[in-house]
Amino acid sequence: MRAIIERLKQFPLARRISTCVMLFLSFLPAQKKVVMFESFSGKQYSCNPKAIYEYMVEHNKNYDLLWSVNKQNKALFDEAGIPYVERFSLKWFVKMSRAGFWVTNSRMPSWILKPAHTTYIQTWHGTPLKRLVADMEEVHMPGTDRESYIKGFHEEAKNWDFLLSPNKYSTDIFKRAFQYQGEVVEVGYPRNDDLIKRNNNKDINDLKQKYNLPKDKKVILYAPTWRDHEYYKPGKYKFKLQLDLNVMKQELGDEYVIILRMHSFVSESFDLKAHSDFVFDFSSGVDITDLYLMSDVLITDYSSVFFDFALLKRPIIFYTYDIELYRGKIRGFYFNLEKEAPGPIAMNTQQVILEIKKGDYVPHPNLQPFTERFCYLDKGCSAKETVERIF
């Protein structure tokens, strides 16, 4: 059944039929205590939906909690004993149509109908540096144009009953860029609670053991974003590593290992056999919060990861080799990264290495004003405040 649905949903008529099916199923008796969770379109067990789910499980909330999971990502949920429904299966359509709540951190497909009895909680997934939706002057994503992209997103946002925001800066942008007029829950991001609660030697060492990382070496996390204009097809993006791993290993291998974390849109599979004891690819199947906690240094570019990692007050290096193209044409920024970034800017591998080798870390001058502006709500209780506010 799922395979048939997968084939059918590629066609406009089939998408309309799917919408009609959901409309029909929504007239079945509502299951008001069912909460459907989804992270990055069914690819992960992570982010704000995970934090909300785990809080509700821990505090014995009287709800039936289920996850929406892609077929190829089911193993993690099976191993952990987390209840789920296979995305786009017949059971999934029935559960989604009858559920009292949806909790997700990314957009739903446009052909999915939200029933009148369902409360849709959009948690989103980051504080924005790069411009969003209506604030984008150009759209380079495949299969759409600027007008269609903005229209589709605004139609989706009309379905949201609650939108989570990590700070006032984000709230103002979300309301304008998404044309969102519903209720905003501005209490910090639930996913960041662990960065407050688990930032200690025992938890960090336990994580290193869990992921088979050497405890006697420091960890560098490389977590870049995707490039809108480099793609294979909609939802499948190319990414070419611009860090020279050979040079990195030669210069840093005695003291460090590197974790790679690609964006969920990136479909590359890197051949790392030559660096098996130095580079570890944790792009899938791992919550990035665990990677933050294990990492001594973050290397990123325009990804929102640096807003979260700043809470740990550890070094952040901005490897922005294509900043003029990205800022000037691909996306555009909401603030001047060179002036306000809470860490140094590097334009090539050697500059990255020099920053890492500087020795004893002295907090960057921008770090304190940065965290005061963007991280002031993250105090370790955002999941609790979110659940109590909504449920």
Protein backbone atom coordinates (compact mmCIF):
# COMPACT_ATOMS: atom_id res chain seq x y z
CA MET A 1 0.00 0.00 0.00
CA ARG A 2 2.79 2.39 0.92
CA ALA A 3 4.59 1.77 -2.39
CA ILE A 4 1.42 2.60 -4.28
CA ILE A 5 0.99 5.80 -2.30
CA GLU A 6 4.64 6.73 -2.90
CA ARG A 7 4.16 6.40 -6.65
CA LEU A 8 0.81 8.12 -6.71
CA LYS A 9 1.80 11.18 -4.71
CA GLN A 10 4.21 12.21 -7.45
CA PHE A 11 1.24 13.19 -9.61
CA PRO A 12 -1.09 16.19 -9.07
CA LEU A 13 -4.27 14.14 -9.40
CA ALA A 14 -3.00 11.60 -6.88
CA ARG A 15 -2.16 14.38 -4.43
CA ARG A 16 -5.71 15.69 -4.72
CA ILE A 17 -7.03 12.18 -4.15
CA SER A 18 -4.81 11.87 -1.05
CA THR A 19 -6.25 15.13 0.24
CA CYS A 20 -9.76 13.79 -0.30
CA VAL A 21 -8.86 10.58 1.52
CA MET A 22 -7.66 12.57 4.52
CA LEU A 23 -10.84 14.65 4.41
CA PHE A 24 -12.94 11.48 4.43
CA LEU A 25 -10.92 9.91 7.26
CA SER A 26 -11.14 13.07 9.33
CA PHE A 27 -14.86 12.42 9.78
CA LEU A 28 -14.05 9.31 11.77
CA PRO A 29 -14.20 9.79 15.55
CA ALA A 30 -11.35 12.06 16.62
CA GLN A 31 -8.65 10.63 18.88
CA LYS A 32 -8.07 13.78 20.90
CA LYS A 33 -5.35 12.24 23.07
CA VAL A 34 -3.24 11.03 20.14
CA VAL A 35 -0.13 13.16 19.47
CA MET A 36 1.75 12.58 16.20
CA PHE A 37 5.42 13.62 16.28
CA GLU A 38 7.68 14.11 13.29
CA SER A 39 11.24 15.43 12.88
CA PHE A 40 12.67 16.60 9.55
CA SER A 41 9.96 14.92 7.45
CA GLY A 42 10.21 11.56 9.20
CA LYS A 43 14.00 11.23 8.88
CA GLN A 44 15.08 11.63 12.50
CA TYR A 45 14.33 11.20 16.19
CA SER A 46 15.61 14.63 17.16
CA CYS A 47 15.14 18.34 17.72
CA ASN A 48 12.21 20.06 19.44
CA PRO A 49 9.68 17.28 18.77
CA LYS A 50 11.99 14.79 20.53
CA ALA A 51 12.43 17.09 23.56
CA ILE A 52 8.67 17.64 23.87
CA TYR A 53 7.99 13.92 23.45
CA GLU A 54 10.52 12.90 26.10
CA TYR A 55 9.20 15.46 28.56
CA MET A 56 5.65 14.14 28.08
CA VAL A 57 6.82 10.53 28.49
CA GLU A 58 8.82 11.32 31.62
CA HIS A 59 6.00 13.21 33.28
CA ASN A 60 3.33 10.63 32.51
CA LYS A 61 1.15 12.91 30.48
CA ASN A 62 -2.06 11.08 29.63
CA TYR A 63 -1.57 11.04 25.86
CA ASP A 64 -0.97 8.39 23.20
CA LEU A 65 2.36 9.47 21.70
CA LEU A 66 3.35 8.24 18.22
CA TRP A 67 6.06 9.13 15.72
CA SER A 68 5.76 9.54 11.95
CA VAL A 69 8.81 7.79 10.45
CA ASN A 70 10.10 7.12 6.94
CA LYS A 71 10.50 3.46 6.02
CA GLN A 72 14.30 3.73 5.68
CA ASN A 73 14.62 5.36 9.13
CA LYS A 74 12.63 2.84 11.17
CA ALA A 75 15.59 0.90 12.63
CA LEU A 76 16.44 3.55 15.23
CA PHE A 77 12.85 3.59 16.51
CA ASP A 78 12.68 -0.21 16.57
CA GLU A 79 15.92 -0.48 18.56
CA ALA A 80 14.85 2.18 21.05
CA GLY A 81 11.30 0.86 21.43
CA ILE A 82 9.78 4.17 20.39
CA PRO A 83 6.21 3.81 19.09
CA TYR A 84 5.79 4.94 15.50
CA VAL A 85 3.69 4.72 12.35
CA GLU A 86 5.32 4.33 8.95
CA ARG A 87 4.95 7.60 7.06
CA PHE A 88 2.43 7.51 4.17
CA SER A 89 1.17 4.03 5.09
CA LEU A 90 -2.57 3.49 5.32
CA LYS A 91 -2.33 3.42 9.12
CA TRP A 92 -0.46 6.74 8.98
CA PHE A 93 -3.27 8.37 7.00
CA VAL A 94 -5.82 7.11 9.53
CA LYS A 95 -3.78 8.26 12.55
CA MET A 96 -2.94 11.66 11.09
CA SER A 97 -6.57 12.26 10.15
CA ARG A 98 -7.88 11.40 13.61
CA ALA A 99 -5.07 12.74 15.84
CA GLY A 100 -5.70 15.52 18.32
CA PHE A 101 -2.21 17.01 17.85
CA TRP A 102 0.59 17.18 15.29
CA VAL A 103 4.07 18.19 16.48
CA THR A 104 6.66 18.73 13.74
CA ASN A 105 9.72 20.88 13.04
CA SER A 106 9.36 21.26 9.27
CA ARG A 107 6.67 21.77 6.68
CA MET A 108 4.08 19.16 5.85
CA PRO A 109 3.50 18.30 2.16
CA SER A 110 0.99 20.70 0.64
CA TRP A 111 -1.48 17.93 -0.17
CA ILE A 112 -1.87 16.85 3.47
CA LEU A 113 -5.09 18.20 4.91
CA LYS A 114 -5.19 19.29 8.53
CA PRO A 115 -8.47 18.16 10.15
CA ALA A 116 -10.51 20.75 12.05
CA HIS A 117 -10.11 18.81 15.31
CA THR A 118 -6.28 18.68 15.08
CA THR A 119 -4.01 21.18 16.83
CA TYR A 120 -0.91 21.71 14.70
CA ILE A 121 2.22 22.64 16.70
CA GLN A 122 5.04 23.85 14.44
CA THR A 123 8.24 23.86 16.48
CA TRP A 124 10.54 24.98 13.61
CA HIS A 125 14.23 24.19 13.88
CA GLY A 126 16.50 27.18 14.33
CA THR A 127 17.19 30.85 14.87
CA PRO A 128 17.63 32.33 11.39
CA LEU A 129 20.74 33.97 10.02
CA LYS A 130 19.77 33.36 6.39
CA ARG A 131 16.63 34.97 5.04
CA LEU A 132 13.40 32.99 5.10
CA VAL A 133 10.46 32.71 2.68
CA ALA A 134 8.97 36.17 2.03
CA ASP A 135 12.25 37.86 3.01
CA MET A 136 14.16 36.00 0.27
CA GLU A 137 14.81 38.14 -2.79
CA GLU A 138 15.51 35.09 -4.96
CA VAL A 139 14.61 31.40 -4.69
CA HIS A 140 17.07 28.91 -6.19
CA MET A 141 15.53 25.68 -4.92
CA PRO A 142 14.59 23.16 -7.62
CA GLY A 143 11.01 22.64 -8.73
CA THR A 144 9.67 26.03 -7.72
CA ASP A 145 9.93 29.79 -8.20
CA ARG A 146 9.84 32.61 -5.68
CA GLU A 147 6.13 33.35 -6.02
CA SER A 148 5.08 29.69 -5.78
CA TYR A 149 7.44 28.98 -2.89
CA ILE A 150 6.19 31.91 -0.83
CA LYS A 151 2.54 31.19 -1.61
CA GLY A 152 2.88 27.52 -0.68
CA PHE A 153 4.64 28.32 2.58
CA HIS A 154 2.09 30.93 3.58
CA GLU A 155 -0.73 28.48 2.89
CA GLU A 156 1.01 25.94 5.13
CA ALA A 157 1.49 28.50 7.92
CA LYS A 158 -2.25 29.14 8.02
CA ASN A 159 -2.64 25.61 9.41
CA TRP A 160 -0.35 26.18 12.38
CA ASP A 161 -2.10 26.69 15.71
CA PHE A 162 1.13 27.25 17.67
CA LEU A 163 4.61 28.24 16.52
CA LEU A 164 7.62 27.86 18.80
CA SER A 165 10.22 30.62 18.89
CA PRO A 166 13.60 30.70 20.66
CA ASN A 167 13.72 34.49 21.13
CA LYS A 168 12.04 37.78 20.20
CA TYR A 169 14.39 38.29 17.25
CA SER A 170 13.09 35.03 15.71
CA THR A 171 9.47 35.79 16.57
CA ASP A 172 9.57 39.03 14.60
CA ILE A 173 11.14 37.32 11.58
CA PHE A 174 8.82 34.29 11.69
CA LYS A 175 5.67 36.39 11.83
CA ARG A 176 6.75 38.48 8.85
CA ALA A 177 8.49 35.86 6.69
CA PHE A 178 5.89 33.11 7.27
CA GLN A 179 2.95 35.56 7.34
CA TYR A 180 1.98 33.79 10.54
CA GLN A 181 -0.84 35.27 12.58
CA GLY A 182 -1.43 32.55 15.17
CA GLU A 183 -0.09 32.08 18.69
CA VAL A 184 3.68 32.14 19.24
CA VAL A 185 5.17 30.20 22.15
CA GLU A 186 8.32 32.20 22.86
CA VAL A 187 9.98 30.25 25.69
CA GLY A 188 13.28 29.08 24.12
CA TYR A 189 13.81 25.83 22.26
CA PRO A 190 12.99 22.58 24.11
CA ARG A 191 15.86 20.82 22.31
CA ASN A 192 18.37 23.09 24.06
CA ASP A 193 17.36 21.99 27.58
CA ASP A 194 19.94 19.18 27.37
CA LEU A 195 22.71 21.68 26.60
CA ILE A 196 22.05 23.11 30.04
CA LYS A 197 21.32 19.90 31.95
CA ARG A 198 23.87 17.50 30.42
CA ASN A 199 26.90 19.76 29.99
CA ASN A 200 29.09 17.84 32.45
CA ASN A 201 32.05 15.46 32.24
CA LYS A 202 30.11 12.29 33.10
CA ASP A 203 27.42 12.78 30.45
CA ILE A 204 29.99 13.83 27.85
CA ASN A 205 32.19 10.78 28.52
CA ASP A 206 29.13 8.52 28.41
CA LEU A 207 28.25 9.95 25.00
CA LYS A 208 31.78 9.42 23.68
CA GLN A 209 31.59 5.82 24.79
CA LYS A 210 28.17 5.39 23.19
CA TYR A 211 29.40 6.70 19.83
CA ASN A 212 32.84 5.03 20.03
CA LEU A 213 34.85 8.23 20.07
CA PRO A 214 38.27 8.31 21.76
CA LYS A 215 38.09 9.87 25.21
CA ASP A 216 41.71 11.03 25.06
CA LYS A 217 41.15 13.31 22.05
CA LYS A 218 39.28 16.55 21.53
CA VAL A 219 36.37 16.64 19.10
CA ILE A 220 35.79 19.03 16.19
CA LEU A 221 32.23 19.17 14.85
CA TYR A 222 31.85 20.29 11.22
CA ALA A 223 28.19 21.14 10.58
CA PRO A 224 27.60 23.20 7.42
CA THR A 225 24.25 24.06 5.86
CA TRP A 226 23.00 23.10 2.39
CA ARG A 227 23.30 25.24 -0.77
CA ASP A 228 19.96 26.01 -2.40
CA HIS A 229 21.44 26.15 -5.92
CA GLU A 230 23.40 22.85 -5.81
CA TYR A 231 21.02 19.91 -6.10
CA TYR A 232 20.13 16.64 -7.76
CA LYS A 233 16.36 17.13 -7.49
CA PRO A 234 13.88 18.69 -5.04
CA GLY A 235 14.84 17.68 -1.50
CA LYS A 236 18.17 16.11 -2.60
CA TYR A 237 21.10 18.51 -2.44
CA LYS A 238 24.75 18.21 -3.41
CA PHE A 239 27.58 19.11 -1.09
CA LYS A 240 31.31 19.11 -1.79
CA LEU A 241 33.57 19.08 1.25
CA GLN A 242 35.78 22.16 1.12
CA LEU A 243 37.82 21.16 4.16
CA ASP A 244 41.03 19.35 3.19
CA LEU A 245 40.79 16.30 5.44
CA ASN A 246 44.30 15.14 4.56
CA VAL A 247 45.83 18.39 5.78
CA MET A 248 43.51 18.45 8.81
CA LYS A 249 44.61 14.94 9.81
CA GLN A 250 48.28 15.75 9.31
CA GLU A 251 48.09 18.94 11.38
CA LEU A 252 45.55 17.96 14.04
CA GLY A 253 45.25 14.17 14.09
CA ASP A 254 47.38 13.63 17.20
CA GLU A 255 45.06 15.72 19.35
CA TYR A 256 41.67 15.83 17.59
CA VAL A 257 39.04 13.83 15.74
CA ILE A 258 36.39 15.31 13.43
CA ILE A 259 32.66 14.66 13.37
CA LEU A 260 30.84 15.43 10.12
CA ARG A 261 27.20 16.46 10.36
CA MET A 262 25.58 17.27 7.03
CA HIS A 263 22.17 18.95 6.73
CA SER A 264 19.23 16.54 6.40
CA PHE A 265 18.70 17.79 2.82
CA VAL A 266 22.22 16.78 1.74
CA SER A 267 22.27 13.36 0.05
CA GLU A 268 26.03 12.87 -0.34
CA SER A 269 27.70 9.76 1.04
CA PHE A 270 31.36 10.51 1.69
CA ASP A 271 34.12 7.94 1.29
CA LEU A 272 36.02 8.29 4.56
CA LYS A 273 37.92 4.97 4.55
CA ALA A 274 41.27 6.77 4.38
CA HIS A 275 40.35 8.73 7.51
CA SER A 276 38.55 6.04 9.51
CA ASP A 277 40.37 6.83 12.76
CA PHE A 278 40.08 10.60 12.35
CA VAL A 279 36.75 11.46 10.68
CA PHE A 280 33.36 10.13 11.83
CA ASP A 281 30.21 10.78 9.81
CA PHE A 282 27.19 11.25 12.09
CA SER A 283 24.93 12.86 9.50
CA SER A 284 22.04 10.50 10.19
CA GLY A 285 20.62 8.51 13.08
CA VAL A 286 22.05 10.81 15.77
CA ASP A 287 20.50 13.80 17.51
CA ILE A 288 22.83 16.75 16.91
CA THR A 289 22.45 17.78 20.57
CA ASP A 290 24.61 14.76 21.48
CA LEU A 291 27.21 15.95 18.98
CA TYR A 292 27.23 19.46 20.46
CA LEU A 293 27.87 18.09 23.92
CA MET A 294 30.77 15.90 22.79
CA SER A 295 32.43 18.63 20.70
CA ASP A 296 35.17 20.98 21.87
CA VAL A 297 35.05 23.11 18.70
CA LEU A 298 32.33 23.84 16.14
CA ILE A 299 33.09 24.63 12.51
CA THR A 300 30.07 25.87 10.60
CA ASP A 301 29.03 28.45 8.02
CA TYR A 302 25.49 29.87 7.77
CA SER A 303 23.68 27.08 9.60
CA SER A 304 21.59 27.90 12.65
CA VAL A 305 23.64 25.39 14.66
CA PHE A 306 25.89 28.16 16.00
CA PHE A 307 22.98 29.82 17.83
CA ASP A 308 22.53 26.62 19.87
CA PHE A 309 26.21 25.75 20.28
CA ALA A 310 26.90 29.25 21.67
CA LEU A 311 25.14 28.14 24.87
CA LEU A 312 28.13 25.90 25.63
CA LYS A 313 30.53 28.85 25.40
CA ARG A 314 33.03 26.81 23.39
CA PRO A 315 34.99 27.92 20.28
CA ILE A 316 33.06 28.46 17.05
CA ILE A 317 34.85 28.91 13.72
CA PHE A 318 32.93 30.23 10.72
CA TYR A 319 34.26 28.58 7.56
CA THR A 320 32.60 30.84 4.99
CA TYR A 321 34.53 30.25 1.77
CA ASP A 322 31.52 31.28 -0.39
CA ILE A 323 30.12 34.07 1.76
CA GLU A 324 29.87 36.68 -1.00
CA LEU A 325 27.88 34.36 -3.26
CA TYR A 326 25.70 33.03 -0.44
CA ARG A 327 24.94 36.42 1.06
CA GLY A 328 24.70 38.31 -2.19
CA LYS A 329 22.65 35.93 -4.34
CA ILE A 330 21.69 32.58 -2.83
CA ARG A 331 19.97 33.65 0.41
CA GLY A 332 21.02 36.89 2.07
CA PHE A 333 21.46 37.43 5.81
CA TYR A 334 19.53 39.16 8.58
CA PHE A 335 22.67 40.64 10.13
CA ASN A 336 26.32 41.26 9.29
CA LEU A 337 28.01 37.94 10.04
CA GLU A 338 31.57 39.28 9.89
CA LYS A 339 30.81 41.92 12.52
CA GLU A 340 28.50 39.97 14.82
CA ALA A 341 29.61 36.33 14.60
CA PRO A 342 30.59 34.87 18.02
CA GLY A 343 33.80 33.49 16.54
CA PRO A 344 36.45 34.10 13.86
CA ILE A 345 35.87 33.92 10.11
CA ALA A 346 38.04 31.54 8.04
CA MET A 347 38.18 31.30 4.24
CA ASN A 348 40.32 28.18 3.71
CA THR A 349 41.47 25.03 5.48
CA GLN A 350 44.74 26.53 6.68
CA GLN A 351 42.96 29.43 8.37
CA VAL A 352 40.64 26.95 10.09
CA ILE A 353 43.64 24.99 11.38
CA LEU A 354 45.35 28.16 12.64
CA GLU A 355 42.25 29.09 14.65
CA ILE A 356 42.05 25.61 16.18
CA LYS A 357 45.75 25.67 17.11
CA LYS A 358 45.59 28.97 18.98
CA GLY A 359 45.67 27.17 22.31
CA ASP A 360 43.81 28.20 25.44
CA TYR A 361 40.38 29.40 24.43
CA VAL A 362 39.51 32.99 25.25
CA PRO A 363 35.80 33.70 24.64
CA HIS A 364 35.27 35.73 21.50
CA PRO A 365 34.36 39.40 22.20
CA ASN A 366 31.02 38.91 20.46
CA LEU A 367 30.01 35.84 22.47
CA GLN A 368 28.44 37.53 25.49
CA PRO A 369 26.34 40.09 23.55
CA PHE A 370 25.42 37.31 21.13
CA THR A 371 24.10 34.96 23.83
CA GLU A 372 22.32 37.84 25.58
CA ARG A 373 20.47 38.61 22.36
CA PHE A 374 19.69 35.10 21.10
CA CYS A 375 19.99 32.58 23.98
CA TYR A 376 18.48 34.40 26.96
CA LEU A 377 15.43 32.12 27.15
CA ASP A 378 17.39 28.85 27.18
CA LYS A 379 17.50 27.97 30.88
CA GLY A 380 16.84 24.23 30.78
CA CYS A 381 13.04 24.33 31.18
CA SER A 382 11.73 25.18 27.69
CA ALA A 383 10.13 21.74 27.15
CA LYS A 384 8.24 22.05 30.44
CA GLU A 385 7.03 25.56 29.61
CA THR A 386 6.00 24.51 26.09
CA VAL A 387 4.01 21.48 27.23
CA GLU A 388 2.30 23.34 30.04
CA ARG A 389 1.40 26.19 27.69
CA ILE A 390 -0.07 24.00 24.92
CA PHE A 391 -1.24 20.74 26.51
